[in-house]
Amino acid sequence: MKRINVTLSGGDRQTVDTVRSHGYHRARETNRAHILAALDDHLPDAQIGAVLGVSRKVIWRTRSAYEEYGLAYALH
């Protein structure tokens, strides 16, 4: 199965960085922001899962939510 690369736009990248750096977001939102940032850096799914402690399914769902519906939907 071919991996779909995620490339965040400038505004999306700034939003993801803001969510990652401020502590008032829910843990799931922060994890999804970490996933999107790692995907934008083209890290392998196995490495993302090992570092964040999430399954490949969570990574896949976050990636597809971003691709289909955008950043707001993928984070929330």
C-alpha atoms as a PDB file:
ATOM      1  CA  MET A   1       0.000   0.000   0.000  1.00  0.00           C
ATOM      2  CA  LYS A   2       1.391   3.359  -1.026  1.00  0.00           C
ATOM      3  CA  ARG A   3       1.791   5.927   1.720  1.00  0.00           C
ATOM      4  CA  ILE A   4       0.063   9.271   1.186  1.00  0.00           C
ATOM      5  CA  ASN A   5       2.343  12.126   2.209  1.00  0.00           C
ATOM      6  CA  VAL A   6       0.894  15.011   4.170  1.00  0.00           C
ATOM      7  CA  THR A   7       2.110  18.524   3.441  1.00  0.00           C
ATOM      8  CA  LEU A   8       0.739  21.184   5.742  1.00  0.00           C
ATOM      9  CA  SER A   9       0.188  24.688   4.405  1.00  0.00           C
ATOM     10  CA  GLY A  10       1.842  27.603   6.178  1.00  0.00           C
ATOM     11  CA  GLY A  11      -1.290  28.502   8.135  1.00  0.00           C
ATOM     12  CA  ASP A  12      -2.009  24.884   9.027  1.00  0.00           C
ATOM     13  CA  ARG A  13       1.579  24.397  10.205  1.00  0.00           C
ATOM     14  CA  GLN A  14       1.312  27.466  12.428  1.00  0.00           C
ATOM     15  CA  THR A  15      -1.959  26.200  13.937  1.00  0.00           C
ATOM     16  CA  VAL A  16      -0.461  22.758  14.575  1.00  0.00           C
ATOM     17  CA  ASP A  17       2.576  24.325  16.252  1.00  0.00           C
ATOM     18  CA  THR A  18       0.295  26.468  18.423  1.00  0.00           C
ATOM     19  CA  VAL A  19      -1.722  23.448  19.552  1.00  0.00           C
ATOM     20  CA  ARG A  20       1.484  21.554  20.307  1.00  0.00           C
ATOM     21  CA  SER A  21       3.039  24.359  22.346  1.00  0.00           C
ATOM     22  CA  HIS A  22       0.093  25.449  24.521  1.00  0.00           C
ATOM     23  CA  GLY A  23      -1.177  23.256  27.338  1.00  0.00           C
ATOM     24  CA  TYR A  24      -4.855  24.148  27.255  1.00  0.00           C
ATOM     25  CA  HIS A  25      -5.884  21.726  24.506  1.00  0.00           C
ATOM     26  CA  ARG A  26      -7.227  18.239  25.074  1.00  0.00           C
ATOM     27  CA  ALA A  27      -4.731  15.403  25.005  1.00  0.00           C
ATOM     28  CA  ARG A  28      -6.241  13.857  21.873  1.00  0.00           C
ATOM     29  CA  GLU A  29      -6.052  17.151  20.007  1.00  0.00           C
ATOM     30  CA  THR A  30      -2.426  17.570  21.034  1.00  0.00           C
ATOM     31  CA  ASN A  31      -1.622  14.007  19.943  1.00  0.00           C
ATOM     32  CA  ARG A  32      -3.269  14.598  16.573  1.00  0.00           C
ATOM     33  CA  ALA A  33      -1.261  17.802  16.157  1.00  0.00           C
ATOM     34  CA  HIS A  34       1.922  15.850  16.928  1.00  0.00           C
ATOM     35  CA  ILE A  35       0.908  13.222  14.366  1.00  0.00           C
ATOM     36  CA  LEU A  36       0.262  15.822  11.657  1.00  0.00           C
ATOM     37  CA  ALA A  37       3.562  17.565  12.368  1.00  0.00           C
ATOM     38  CA  ALA A  38       5.429  14.259  12.162  1.00  0.00           C
ATOM     39  CA  LEU A  39       3.651  13.351   8.919  1.00  0.00           C
ATOM     40  CA  ASP A  40       4.582  16.758   7.522  1.00  0.00           C
ATOM     41  CA  ASP A  41       8.216  15.972   8.401  1.00  0.00           C
ATOM     42  CA  HIS A  42       7.810  12.672   6.463  1.00  0.00           C
ATOM     43  CA  LEU A  43       8.589  10.419   9.432  1.00  0.00           C
ATOM     44  CA  PRO A  44       7.617   6.746   9.087  1.00  0.00           C
ATOM     45  CA  ASP A  45       4.356   5.639  10.677  1.00  0.00           C
ATOM     46  CA  ALA A  46       6.145   3.051  12.819  1.00  0.00           C
ATOM     47  CA  GLN A  47       8.369   5.722  14.345  1.00  0.00           C
ATOM     48  CA  ILE A  48       5.438   8.066  14.981  1.00  0.00           C
ATOM     49  CA  GLY A  49       3.504   5.280  16.664  1.00  0.00           C
ATOM     50  CA  ALA A  50       6.440   4.235  18.820  1.00  0.00           C
ATOM     51  CA  VAL A  51       7.206   7.750  20.044  1.00  0.00           C
ATOM     52  CA  LEU A  52       3.606   8.869  20.626  1.00  0.00           C
ATOM     53  CA  GLY A  53       2.248   5.498  21.732  1.00  0.00           C
ATOM     54  CA  VAL A  54      -0.522   5.396  19.141  1.00  0.00           C
ATOM     55  CA  SER A  55      -1.538   2.711  16.685  1.00  0.00           C
ATOM     56  CA  ARG A  56      -1.193   2.799  12.909  1.00  0.00           C
ATOM     57  CA  LYS A  57      -4.972   3.080  12.749  1.00  0.00           C
ATOM     58  CA  VAL A  58      -4.933   6.380  14.686  1.00  0.00           C
ATOM     59  CA  ILE A  59      -2.228   7.724  12.365  1.00  0.00           C
ATOM     60  CA  TRP A  60      -4.178   6.606   9.308  1.00  0.00           C
ATOM     61  CA  ARG A  61      -7.424   8.169  10.572  1.00  0.00           C
ATOM     62  CA  THR A  62      -5.715  11.464  11.365  1.00  0.00           C
ATOM     63  CA  ARG A  63      -4.038  11.548   7.945  1.00  0.00           C
ATOM     64  CA  SER A  64      -7.244  10.757   6.064  1.00  0.00           C
ATOM     65  CA  ALA A  65      -9.294  13.244   8.119  1.00  0.00           C
ATOM     66  CA  TYR A  66      -6.825  15.993   7.247  1.00  0.00           C
ATOM     67  CA  GLU A  67      -6.760  15.065   3.567  1.00  0.00           C
ATOM     68  CA  GLU A  68     -10.545  14.813   3.237  1.00  0.00           C
ATOM     69  CA  TYR A  69     -11.904  17.506   5.559  1.00  0.00           C
ATOM     70  CA  GLY A  70      -9.050  19.798   6.594  1.00  0.00           C
ATOM     71  CA  LEU A  71      -7.190  20.736   9.732  1.00  0.00           C
ATOM     72  CA  ALA A  72     -10.063  21.677  12.031  1.00  0.00           C
ATOM     73  CA  TYR A  73     -11.769  18.332  11.476  1.00  0.00           C
ATOM     74  CA  ALA A  74      -8.529  16.368  11.881  1.00  0.00           C
ATOM     75  CA  LEU A  75      -7.697  18.001  15.208  1.00  0.00           C
ATOM     76  CA  HIS A  76     -11.163  17.835  16.750  1.00  0.00           C
END
